Protein backbone atom coordinates (compact mmCIF):
# COMPACT_ATOMS: atom_id res chain seq x y z
CA MET A 1 111.99 100.09 132.34
CA LYS A 2 114.68 102.64 133.11
CA SER A 3 117.95 101.03 134.07
CA LEU A 4 119.00 101.49 137.65
CA VAL A 5 122.55 102.48 138.39
CA MET A 6 123.84 101.09 141.65
CA ARG A 7 126.41 103.28 143.38
CA SER A 8 128.16 100.39 145.07
CA ARG A 9 127.83 96.72 145.92
CA CYS A 10 127.04 97.55 149.57
CA PRO A 11 123.64 95.97 150.43
CA ILE A 12 122.50 99.09 152.28
CA SER A 13 123.44 101.33 149.37
CA CYS A 14 121.75 98.97 146.88
CA THR A 15 118.55 98.95 148.95
CA LEU A 16 118.53 102.74 149.07
CA ASP A 17 119.06 102.87 145.30
CA LEU A 18 116.09 100.51 144.80
CA LEU A 19 113.75 102.28 147.18
CA GLY A 20 114.58 105.76 145.99
CA ASP A 21 113.61 108.36 148.54
CA LYS A 22 111.31 109.00 151.48
CA TRP A 23 108.23 109.19 149.27
CA SER A 24 108.68 105.60 148.10
CA LEU A 25 108.89 104.39 151.70
CA LEU A 26 105.80 106.39 152.67
CA ILE A 27 103.81 105.00 149.73
CA LEU A 28 104.86 101.48 150.75
CA ARG A 29 103.90 102.27 154.36
CA ASP A 30 100.42 103.32 153.26
CA LEU A 31 100.05 100.34 150.94
CA LEU A 32 101.23 97.78 153.50
CA PHE A 33 99.95 99.10 156.82
CA PHE A 34 96.92 101.22 155.93
CA GLU A 35 95.62 99.35 152.86
CA LYS A 36 95.63 102.47 150.72
CA ASN A 37 95.75 101.31 147.15
CA SER A 38 94.62 104.10 144.83
CA PHE A 39 96.20 107.29 143.57
CA GLY A 40 93.58 109.35 145.40
CA ALA A 41 94.10 107.51 148.68
CA PHE A 42 97.87 108.07 148.52
CA LEU A 43 97.27 111.79 147.89
CA LEU A 44 95.31 112.02 151.16
CA SER A 45 98.27 110.98 153.31
CA ARG A 46 99.30 113.41 156.03
CA GLU A 47 102.67 114.15 154.34
CA LYS A 48 100.93 115.77 151.33
CA ILE A 49 102.84 114.31 148.39
CA ALA A 50 102.53 116.29 145.15
CA ARG A 51 100.69 114.62 142.27
CA ASN A 52 103.70 114.62 139.93
CA ILE A 53 105.97 113.11 142.59
CA LEU A 54 103.34 110.48 143.44
CA SER A 55 103.03 109.52 139.76
CA ASP A 56 106.80 109.24 139.45
CA ARG A 57 107.22 107.16 142.62
CA LEU A 58 104.35 104.82 141.78
CA GLU A 59 105.93 104.17 138.39
CA HIS A 60 109.31 103.59 140.04
CA LEU A 61 107.82 101.11 142.54
CA LEU A 62 105.97 99.30 139.75
CA GLN A 63 109.09 99.05 137.59
CA ARG A 64 111.16 97.76 140.50
CA GLY A 65 108.60 95.07 141.36
CA PHE A 66 107.35 96.38 144.72
CA MET A 67 103.73 96.56 143.57
CA VAL A 68 101.39 95.62 140.77
CA LYS A 69 98.71 97.79 139.18
CA GLU A 70 95.28 96.50 138.21
CA MET A 71 92.18 98.10 136.77
CA ALA A 72 89.53 98.68 139.45
CA PRO A 73 86.64 96.27 138.90
CA GLU A 74 83.97 98.90 139.64
CA ASN A 75 85.58 101.73 137.63
CA LYS A 76 87.55 100.92 134.48
CA SER A 77 89.23 104.35 134.48
CA LYS A 78 90.70 103.83 137.97
CA PHE A 79 93.74 101.75 138.89
CA LEU A 80 94.48 99.98 142.15
CA TYR A 81 97.92 99.10 143.47
CA TYR A 82 98.78 95.93 145.39
CA PRO A 83 101.98 94.90 147.18
CA THR A 84 104.16 92.11 145.86
CA GLU A 85 106.13 89.72 148.02
CA LYS A 86 109.12 92.03 147.52
CA ALA A 87 107.19 94.83 149.24
CA VAL A 88 105.83 92.61 152.01
CA ASP A 89 109.39 91.48 152.76
CA LEU A 90 110.15 95.13 153.66
CA VAL A 91 107.67 95.08 156.57
CA PRO A 92 110.27 94.13 159.22
CA LEU A 93 112.57 96.91 157.99
CA LEU A 94 109.77 99.49 158.09
CA LEU A 95 108.76 98.38 161.58
CA GLU A 96 112.36 98.65 162.79
CA LEU A 97 112.57 102.18 161.35
CA ALA A 98 109.45 103.05 163.37
CA VAL A 99 110.90 101.50 166.54
CA TRP A 100 114.20 103.35 166.09
CA SER A 101 112.44 106.67 165.46
CA GLU A 102 110.18 106.31 168.50
CA LYS A 103 113.22 105.58 170.65
CA HIS A 104 115.41 108.41 169.40
CA GLU A 105 112.99 111.12 168.25
CA PRO A 106 110.59 112.39 170.93
CA PHE A 107 108.22 113.84 168.29
CA SER A 108 107.80 110.43 166.60
CA LYS A 109 104.77 108.27 167.39
CA SER A 110 103.37 105.32 165.45
CA LYS A 111 99.75 105.34 164.41
CA PRO A 112 97.68 102.72 166.27
CA GLU A 113 97.60 100.50 163.15
CA VAL A 114 101.42 100.36 162.99
CA THR A 115 101.65 99.72 166.73
CA ALA A 116 99.16 96.85 166.38
CA PHE A 117 101.20 95.54 163.45
CA LYS A 118 104.41 95.71 165.53
CA ASN A 119 102.74 93.92 168.44
CA SER A 120 101.57 91.01 166.30
CA LYS A 121 104.21 91.04 163.56
CA GLY A 122 103.98 87.32 162.74
CA LYS A 123 100.21 87.29 162.37
CA ALA A 124 100.23 90.60 160.49
CA LEU A 125 102.77 89.30 157.98
CA ARG A 126 100.76 86.10 157.46
CA ASP A 127 97.60 88.18 156.89
CA LEU A 128 99.40 90.41 154.39
CA LYS A 129 100.77 87.43 152.48
CA ALA A 130 97.32 85.80 152.47
CA ARG A 131 95.81 89.03 151.12
CA MET A 132 98.48 89.07 148.40
CA ARG A 133 97.58 85.53 147.35
CA THR A 134 93.90 86.43 146.99
CA LEU A 135 94.91 89.17 144.55
CA GLY A 136 96.64 86.69 142.28
CA ASN A 137 100.24 87.53 143.27
């Protein structure tokens, strides 16, 4: 695993160093809210991430413990990605980013799935954690 250099001891700065850039947050969004869990599914996201950037960010998120990678049971040449507790714990932060953006950026609008998640945050988090447990995390 590549070592991570933290720019400062500030918790916000450390979090940004861990998460990387916007692509990491968007991959986590898709993994957590939209149950996308394969390379191909991430490529289909509206933001159109490039293959090489997706590969790099997936590796970064794996190395930093935000997700695990498992061989797909039905296709041994395909891998599936699953969130860890570390990723699930980011859900409130991601939801607050969505709330802030909708308040301050007129163009911004949450997809219905994210809105439903925001409206039932407690239940949604419990469901996510239960799903994690069934995957052996």
